Amino acid sequence: AERDVQVRLDPASRLATPVADEVPIVTVL
């Protein structure tokens, strides 16, 4: 937002299941 860009989460997104290691997801995303 500071760079005047809007980041949206797709309304159909769902990730309710807890994961053992979020590091790969965080790094990739």
PDB file of all heavy atoms in Angstrom:
ATOM      1  N   ALA A   1       0.825  -1.208   0.000  1.00  0.00           N
ATOM      2  CA  ALA A   1       0.000   0.000   0.000  1.00  0.00           C
ATOM      3  C   ALA A   1       0.856   1.254   0.000  1.00  0.00           C
ATOM      4  O   ALA A   1       0.488   2.274  -0.606  1.00  0.00           O
ATOM      5  CB  ALA A   1      -0.932  -0.027   1.220  1.00  0.00           C
ATOM      6  N   GLU A   2       1.993   1.210   0.662  1.00  0.00           N
ATOM      7  CA  GLU A   2       2.899   2.356   0.655  1.00  0.00           C
ATOM      8  C   GLU A   2       3.409   2.660  -0.744  1.00  0.00           C
ATOM      9  O   GLU A   2       3.701   3.811  -1.073  1.00  0.00           O
ATOM     10  CB  GLU A   2       4.065   2.076   1.617  1.00  0.00           C
ATOM     11  CG  GLU A   2       5.155   3.135   1.627  1.00  0.00           C
ATOM     12  CD  GLU A   2       4.640   4.483   2.110  1.00  0.00           C
ATOM     13  OE1 GLU A   2       3.571   4.538   2.753  1.00  0.00           O
ATOM     14  OE2 GLU A   2       5.316   5.505   1.853  1.00  0.00           O
ATOM     15  N   ARG A   3       3.500   1.628  -1.571  1.00  0.00           N
ATOM     16  CA  ARG A   3       3.947   1.820  -2.962  1.00  0.00           C
ATOM     17  C   ARG A   3       2.760   1.953  -3.919  1.00  0.00           C
ATOM     18  O   ARG A   3       2.908   1.818  -5.112  1.00  0.00           O
ATOM     19  CB  ARG A   3       4.825   0.627  -3.374  1.00  0.00           C
ATOM     20  CG  ARG A   3       6.060   0.462  -2.499  1.00  0.00           C
ATOM     21  CD  ARG A   3       6.928  -0.687  -2.949  1.00  0.00           C
ATOM     22  NE  ARG A   3       7.500  -0.423  -4.264  1.00  0.00           N
ATOM     23  CZ  ARG A   3       8.281  -1.287  -4.920  1.00  0.00           C
ATOM     24  NH1 ARG A   3       8.538  -2.472  -4.367  1.00  0.00           N
ATOM     25  NH2 ARG A   3       8.750  -0.986  -6.101  1.00  0.00           N
ATOM     26  N   ASP A   4       1.592   2.190  -3.347  1.00  0.00           N
ATOM     27  CA  ASP A   4       0.374   2.407  -4.129  1.00  0.00           C
ATOM     28  C   ASP A   4      -0.029   1.161  -4.901  1.00  0.00           C
ATOM     29  O   ASP A   4      -0.514   1.247  -6.032  1.00  0.00           O
ATOM     30  CB  ASP A   4       0.566   3.593  -5.090  1.00  0.00           C
ATOM     31  CG  ASP A   4      -0.768   4.246  -5.425  1.00  0.00           C
ATOM     32  OD1 ASP A   4      -1.769   3.883  -4.783  1.00  0.00           O
ATOM     33  OD2 ASP A   4      -0.796   5.094  -6.329  1.00  0.00           O
ATOM     34  N   VAL A   5       0.210  -0.022  -4.328  1.00  0.00           N
ATOM     35  CA  VAL A   5      -0.184  -1.302  -4.924  1.00  0.00           C
ATOM     36  C   VAL A   5      -1.092  -2.011  -3.931  1.00  0.00           C
ATOM     37  O   VAL A   5      -0.809  -2.050  -2.728  1.00  0.00           O
ATOM     38  CB  VAL A   5       1.045  -2.174  -5.253  1.00  0.00           C
ATOM     39  CG1 VAL A   5       0.593  -3.525  -5.802  1.00  0.00           C
ATOM     40  CG2 VAL A   5       1.961  -1.475  -6.238  1.00  0.00           C
ATOM     41  N   GLN A   6      -2.154  -2.573  -4.436  1.00  0.00           N
ATOM     42  CA  GLN A   6      -3.111  -3.265  -3.578  1.00  0.00           C
ATOM     43  C   GLN A   6      -2.873  -4.773  -3.656  1.00  0.00           C
ATOM     44  O   GLN A   6      -2.809  -5.355  -4.731  1.00  0.00           O
ATOM     45  CB  GLN A   6      -4.549  -2.946  -4.009  1.00  0.00           C
ATOM     46  CG  GLN A   6      -5.595  -3.570  -3.107  1.00  0.00           C
ATOM     47  CD  GLN A   6      -7.006  -3.207  -3.535  1.00  0.00           C
ATOM     48  OE1 GLN A   6      -7.207  -2.667  -4.611  1.00  0.00           O
ATOM     49  NE2 GLN A   6      -7.973  -3.504  -2.688  1.00  0.00           N
ATOM     50  N   VAL A   7      -2.696  -5.395  -2.488  1.00  0.00           N
ATOM     51  CA  VAL A   7      -2.555  -6.848  -2.380  1.00  0.00           C
ATOM     52  C   VAL A   7      -3.877  -7.408  -1.885  1.00  0.00           C
ATOM     53  O   VAL A   7      -4.356  -7.029  -0.799  1.00  0.00           O
ATOM     54  CB  VAL A   7      -1.408  -7.240  -1.435  1.00  0.00           C
ATOM     55  CG1 VAL A   7      -1.347  -8.758  -1.280  1.00  0.00           C
ATOM     56  CG2 VAL A   7      -0.081  -6.718  -1.962  1.00  0.00           C
ATOM     57  N   ARG A   8      -4.477  -8.294  -2.650  1.00  0.00           N
ATOM     58  CA  ARG A   8      -5.774  -8.881  -2.315  1.00  0.00           C
ATOM     59  C   ARG A   8      -5.636 -10.387  -2.122  1.00  0.00           C
ATOM     60  O   ARG A   8      -4.866 -11.032  -2.813  1.00  0.00           O
ATOM     61  CB  ARG A   8      -6.793  -8.628  -3.415  1.00  0.00           C
ATOM     62  CG  ARG A   8      -7.099  -7.165  -3.666  1.00  0.00           C
ATOM     63  CD  ARG A   8      -8.036  -7.038  -4.853  1.00  0.00           C
ATOM     64  NE  ARG A   8      -8.352  -5.643  -5.156  1.00  0.00           N
ATOM     65  CZ  ARG A   8      -9.026  -5.259  -6.236  1.00  0.00           C
ATOM     66  NH1 ARG A   8      -9.442  -6.182  -7.116  1.00  0.00           N
ATOM     67  NH2 ARG A   8      -9.271  -3.980  -6.449  1.00  0.00           N
ATOM     68  N   LEU A   9      -6.418 -10.893  -1.205  1.00  0.00           N
ATOM     69  CA  LEU A   9      -6.518 -12.335  -1.023  1.00  0.00           C
ATOM     70  C   LEU A   9      -7.773 -12.795  -1.737  1.00  0.00           C
ATOM     71  O   LEU A   9      -8.875 -12.292  -1.489  1.00  0.00           O
ATOM     72  CB  LEU A   9      -6.592 -12.689   0.464  1.00  0.00           C
ATOM     73  CG  LEU A   9      -6.689 -14.181   0.792  1.00  0.00           C
ATOM     74  CD1 LEU A   9      -5.446 -14.918   0.325  1.00  0.00           C
ATOM     75  CD2 LEU A   9      -6.904 -14.381   2.298  1.00  0.00           C
ATOM     76  N   ASP A  10      -7.612 -13.734  -2.634  1.00  0.00           N
ATOM     77  CA  ASP A  10      -8.750 -14.239  -3.401  1.00  0.00           C
ATOM     78  C   ASP A  10      -9.843 -14.732  -2.439  1.00  0.00           C
ATOM     79  O   ASP A  10      -9.559 -15.477  -1.491  1.00  0.00           O
ATOM     80  CB  ASP A  10      -8.272 -15.383  -4.301  1.00  0.00           C
ATOM     81  CG  ASP A  10      -9.334 -15.795  -5.312  1.00  0.00           C
ATOM     82  OD1 ASP A  10     -10.425 -16.197  -4.885  1.00  0.00           O
ATOM     83  OD2 ASP A  10      -9.040 -15.703  -6.520  1.00  0.00           O
ATOM     84  N   PRO A  11     -11.091 -14.308  -2.678  1.00  0.00           N
ATOM     85  CA  PRO A  11     -12.177 -14.719  -1.766  1.00  0.00           C
ATOM     86  C   PRO A  11     -12.329 -16.224  -1.643  1.00  0.00           C
ATOM     87  O   PRO A  11     -12.828 -16.710  -0.631  1.00  0.00           O
ATOM     88  CB  PRO A  11     -13.417 -14.076  -2.414  1.00  0.00           C
ATOM     89  CG  PRO A  11     -12.887 -12.937  -3.220  1.00  0.00           C
ATOM     90  CD  PRO A  11     -11.542 -13.372  -3.716  1.00  0.00           C
ATOM     91  N   ALA A  12     -11.912 -16.959  -2.651  1.00  0.00           N
ATOM     92  CA  ALA A  12     -12.061 -18.421  -2.603  1.00  0.00           C
ATOM     93  C   ALA A  12     -10.919 -19.096  -1.852  1.00  0.00           C
ATOM     94  O   ALA A  12     -10.900 -20.327  -1.735  1.00  0.00           O
ATOM     95  CB  ALA A  12     -12.139 -18.980  -4.026  1.00  0.00           C
ATOM     96  N   SER A  13      -9.978 -18.314  -1.347  1.00  0.00           N
ATOM     97  CA  SER A  13      -8.801 -18.896  -0.671  1.00  0.00           C
ATOM     98  C   SER A  13      -9.203 -19.484   0.667  1.00  0.00           C
ATOM     99  O   SER A  13      -9.944 -18.864   1.444  1.00  0.00           O
ATOM    100  CB  SER A  13      -7.732 -17.826  -0.471  1.00  0.00           C
ATOM    101  OG  SER A  13      -7.245 -17.373  -1.705  1.00  0.00           O
ATOM    102  N   ARG A  14      -8.699 -20.701   0.942  1.00  0.00           N
ATOM    103  CA  ARG A  14      -8.922 -21.370   2.217  1.00  0.00           C
ATOM    104  C   ARG A  14      -7.663 -22.186   2.567  1.00  0.00           C
ATOM    105  O   ARG A  14      -7.196 -22.980   1.762  1.00  0.00           O
ATOM    106  CB  ARG A  14     -10.126 -22.316   2.166  1.00  0.00           C
ATOM    107  CG  ARG A  14     -11.476 -21.637   2.046  1.00  0.00           C
ATOM    108  CD  ARG A  14     -11.848 -20.884   3.321  1.00  0.00           C
ATOM    109  NE  ARG A  14     -13.186 -20.323   3.223  1.00  0.00           N
ATOM    110  CZ  ARG A  14     -13.482 -19.158   2.658  1.00  0.00           C
ATOM    111  NH1 ARG A  14     -12.502 -18.443   2.081  1.00  0.00           N
ATOM    112  NH2 ARG A  14     -14.726 -18.713   2.627  1.00  0.00           N
ATOM    113  N   LEU A  15      -7.140 -21.974   3.770  1.00  0.00           N
ATOM    114  CA  LEU A  15      -6.001 -22.762   4.244  1.00  0.00           C
ATOM    115  C   LEU A  15      -6.153 -22.905   5.754  1.00  0.00           C
ATOM    116  O   LEU A  15      -5.402 -22.348   6.544  1.00  0.00           O
ATOM    117  CB  LEU A  15      -4.667 -22.091   3.898  1.00  0.00           C
ATOM    118  CG  LEU A  15      -3.403 -22.927   4.149  1.00  0.00           C
ATOM    119  CD1 LEU A  15      -3.428 -24.198   3.318  1.00  0.00           C
ATOM    120  CD2 LEU A  15      -2.159 -22.118   3.850  1.00  0.00           C
ATOM    121  N   ALA A  16      -7.178 -23.644   6.102  1.00  0.00           N
ATOM    122  CA  ALA A  16      -7.507 -23.780   7.518  1.00  0.00           C
ATOM    123  C   ALA A  16      -6.690 -24.849   8.212  1.00  0.00           C
ATOM    124  O   ALA A  16      -6.560 -24.846   9.433  1.00  0.00           O
ATOM    125  CB  ALA A  16      -9.003 -24.089   7.668  1.00  0.00           C
ATOM    126  N   THR A  17      -6.134 -25.803   7.468  1.00  0.00           N
ATOM    127  CA  THR A  17      -5.401 -26.920   8.075  1.00  0.00           C
ATOM    128  C   THR A  17      -4.046 -26.449   8.581  1.00  0.00           C
ATOM    129  O   THR A  17      -3.256 -25.881   7.823  1.00  0.00           O
ATOM    130  CB  THR A  17      -5.194 -28.043   7.054  1.00  0.00           C
ATOM    131  OG1 THR A  17      -6.467 -28.433   6.540  1.00  0.00           O
ATOM    132  CG2 THR A  17      -4.508 -29.231   7.701  1.00  0.00           C
ATOM    133  N   PRO A  18      -3.714 -26.649   9.856  1.00  0.00           N
ATOM    134  CA  PRO A  18      -2.396 -26.253  10.360  1.00  0.00           C
ATOM    135  C   PRO A  18      -1.285 -27.067   9.678  1.00  0.00           C
ATOM    136  O   PRO A  18      -1.453 -28.258   9.417  1.00  0.00           O
ATOM    137  CB  PRO A  18      -2.465 -26.571  11.856  1.00  0.00           C
ATOM    138  CG  PRO A  18      -3.923 -26.703  12.160  1.00  0.00           C
ATOM    139  CD  PRO A  18      -4.562 -27.218  10.918  1.00  0.00           C
ATOM    140  N   VAL A  19      -0.190 -26.418   9.403  1.00  0.00           N
ATOM    141  CA  VAL A  19       0.947 -27.090   8.756  1.00  0.00           C
ATOM    142  C   VAL A  19       2.107 -27.161   9.732  1.00  0.00           C
ATOM    143  O   VAL A  19       2.241 -26.322  10.631  1.00  0.00           O
ATOM    144  CB  VAL A  19       1.370 -26.356   7.464  1.00  0.00           C
ATOM    145  CG1 VAL A  19       0.283 -26.452   6.422  1.00  0.00           C
ATOM    146  CG2 VAL A  19       1.711 -24.909   7.749  1.00  0.00           C
ATOM    147  N   ALA A  20       2.949 -28.200   9.553  1.00  0.00           N
ATOM    148  CA  ALA A  20       4.063 -28.409  10.478  1.00  0.00           C
ATOM    149  C   ALA A  20       5.189 -27.413  10.252  1.00  0.00           C
ATOM    150  O   ALA A  20       5.890 -27.034  11.178  1.00  0.00           O
ATOM    151  CB  ALA A  20       4.593 -29.840  10.328  1.00  0.00           C
ATOM    152  N   ASP A  21       5.378 -26.981   9.018  1.00  0.00           N
ATOM    153  CA  ASP A  21       6.504 -26.094   8.710  1.00  0.00           C
ATOM    154  C   ASP A  21       6.012 -25.018   7.743  1.00  0.00           C
ATOM    155  O   ASP A  21       5.736 -25.294   6.570  1.00  0.00           O
ATOM    156  CB  ASP A  21       7.645 -26.906   8.093  1.00  0.00           C
ATOM    157  CG  ASP A  21       8.889 -26.059   7.875  1.00  0.00           C
ATOM    158  OD1 ASP A  21       8.897 -24.897   8.323  1.00  0.00           O
ATOM    159  OD2 ASP A  21       9.847 -26.568   7.257  1.00  0.00           O
ATOM    160  N   GLU A  22       5.883 -23.788   8.255  1.00  0.00           N
ATOM    161  CA  GLU A  22       5.428 -22.699   7.404  1.00  0.00           C
ATOM    162  C   GLU A  22       6.559 -22.036   6.629  1.00  0.00           C
ATOM    163  O   GLU A  22       6.320 -21.184   5.780  1.00  0.00           O
ATOM    164  CB  GLU A  22       4.728 -21.616   8.248  1.00  0.00           C
ATOM    165  CG  GLU A  22       3.431 -22.052   8.872  1.00  0.00           C
ATOM    166  CD  GLU A  22       3.620 -22.488  10.314  1.00  0.00           C
ATOM    167  OE1 GLU A  22       4.779 -22.705  10.692  1.00  0.00           O
ATOM    168  OE2 GLU A  22       2.619 -22.625  11.039  1.00  0.00           O
ATOM    169  N   VAL A  23       7.825 -22.407   6.931  1.00  0.00           N
ATOM    170  CA  VAL A  23       8.959 -21.717   6.307  1.00  0.00           C
ATOM    171  C   VAL A  23       8.922 -21.807   4.785  1.00  0.00           C
ATOM    172  O   VAL A  23       9.078 -20.792   4.097  1.00  0.00           O
ATOM    173  CB  VAL A  23      10.293 -22.262   6.855  1.00  0.00           C
ATOM    174  CG1 VAL A  23      11.471 -21.670   6.096  1.00  0.00           C
ATOM    175  CG2 VAL A  23      10.416 -21.922   8.337  1.00  0.00           C
ATOM    176  N   PRO A  24       8.707 -23.001   4.179  1.00  0.00           N
ATOM    177  CA  PRO A  24       8.661 -23.027   2.713  1.00  0.00           C
ATOM    178  C   PRO A  24       7.540 -22.157   2.152  1.00  0.00           C
ATOM    179  O   PRO A  24       7.729 -21.453   1.155  1.00  0.00           O
ATOM    180  CB  PRO A  24       8.439 -24.505   2.390  1.00  0.00           C
ATOM    181  CG  PRO A  24       8.922 -25.246   3.588  1.00  0.00           C
ATOM    182  CD  PRO A  24       8.608 -24.363   4.742  1.00  0.00           C
ATOM    183  N   ILE A  25       6.369 -22.169   2.818  1.00  0.00           N
ATOM    184  CA  ILE A  25       5.247 -21.376   2.320  1.00  0.00           C
ATOM    185  C   ILE A  25       5.576 -19.895   2.408  1.00  0.00           C
ATOM    186  O   ILE A  25       5.353 -19.124   1.457  1.00  0.00           O
ATOM    187  CB  ILE A  25       3.965 -21.694   3.119  1.00  0.00           C
ATOM    188  CG1 ILE A  25       3.628 -23.182   3.000  1.00  0.00           C
ATOM    189  CG2 ILE A  25       2.809 -20.840   2.642  1.00  0.00           C
ATOM    190  CD1 ILE A  25       2.443 -23.608   3.845  1.00  0.00           C
ATOM    191  N   VAL A  26       6.111 -19.473   3.551  1.00  0.00           N
ATOM    192  CA  VAL A  26       6.435 -18.064   3.748  1.00  0.00           C
ATOM    193  C   VAL A  26       7.500 -17.610   2.757  1.00  0.00           C
ATOM    194  O   VAL A  26       7.416 -16.530   2.160  1.00  0.00           O
ATOM    195  CB  VAL A  26       6.893 -17.820   5.202  1.00  0.00           C
ATOM    196  CG1 VAL A  26       7.459 -16.416   5.356  1.00  0.00           C
ATOM    197  CG2 VAL A  26       5.745 -18.048   6.158  1.00  0.00           C
ATOM    198  N   THR A  27       8.539 -18.448   2.561  1.00  0.00           N
ATOM    199  CA  THR A  27       9.622 -18.076   1.639  1.00  0.00           C
ATOM    200  C   THR A  27       9.113 -17.952   0.215  1.00  0.00           C
ATOM    201  O   THR A  27       9.381 -16.964  -0.475  1.00  0.00           O
ATOM    202  CB  THR A  27      10.750 -19.120   1.705  1.00  0.00           C
ATOM    203  OG1 THR A  27      11.224 -19.223   3.044  1.00  0.00           O
ATOM    204  CG2 THR A  27      11.894 -18.729   0.791  1.00  0.00           C
ATOM    205  N   VAL A  28       8.370 -18.959  -0.223  1.00  0.00           N
ATOM    206  CA  VAL A  28       7.874 -18.950  -1.605  1.00  0.00           C
ATOM    207  C   VAL A  28       6.881 -17.809  -1.809  1.00  0.00           C
ATOM    208  O   VAL A  28       6.998 -17.008  -2.748  1.00  0.00           O
ATOM    209  CB  VAL A  28       7.234 -20.311  -1.948  1.00  0.00           C
ATOM    210  CG1 VAL A  28       6.541 -20.239  -3.297  1.00  0.00           C
ATOM    211  CG2 VAL A  28       8.277 -21.408  -1.926  1.00  0.00           C
ATOM    212  N   LEU A  29       5.899 -17.701  -0.904  1.00  0.00           N
ATOM    213  CA  LEU A  29       4.857 -16.690  -1.063  1.00  0.00           C
ATOM    214  C   LEU A  29       5.436 -15.276  -0.940  1.00  0.00           C
ATOM    215  O   LEU A  29       5.059 -14.370  -1.695  1.00  0.00           O
ATOM    216  CB  LEU A  29       3.783 -16.917  -0.010  1.00  0.00           C
ATOM    217  CG  LEU A  29       2.418 -16.265  -0.264  1.00  0.00           C
ATOM    218  CD1 LEU A  29       1.847 -16.727  -1.596  1.00  0.00           C
ATOM    219  CD2 LEU A  29       1.457 -16.589   0.877  1.00  0.00           C
TER     220      LEU A  29
END
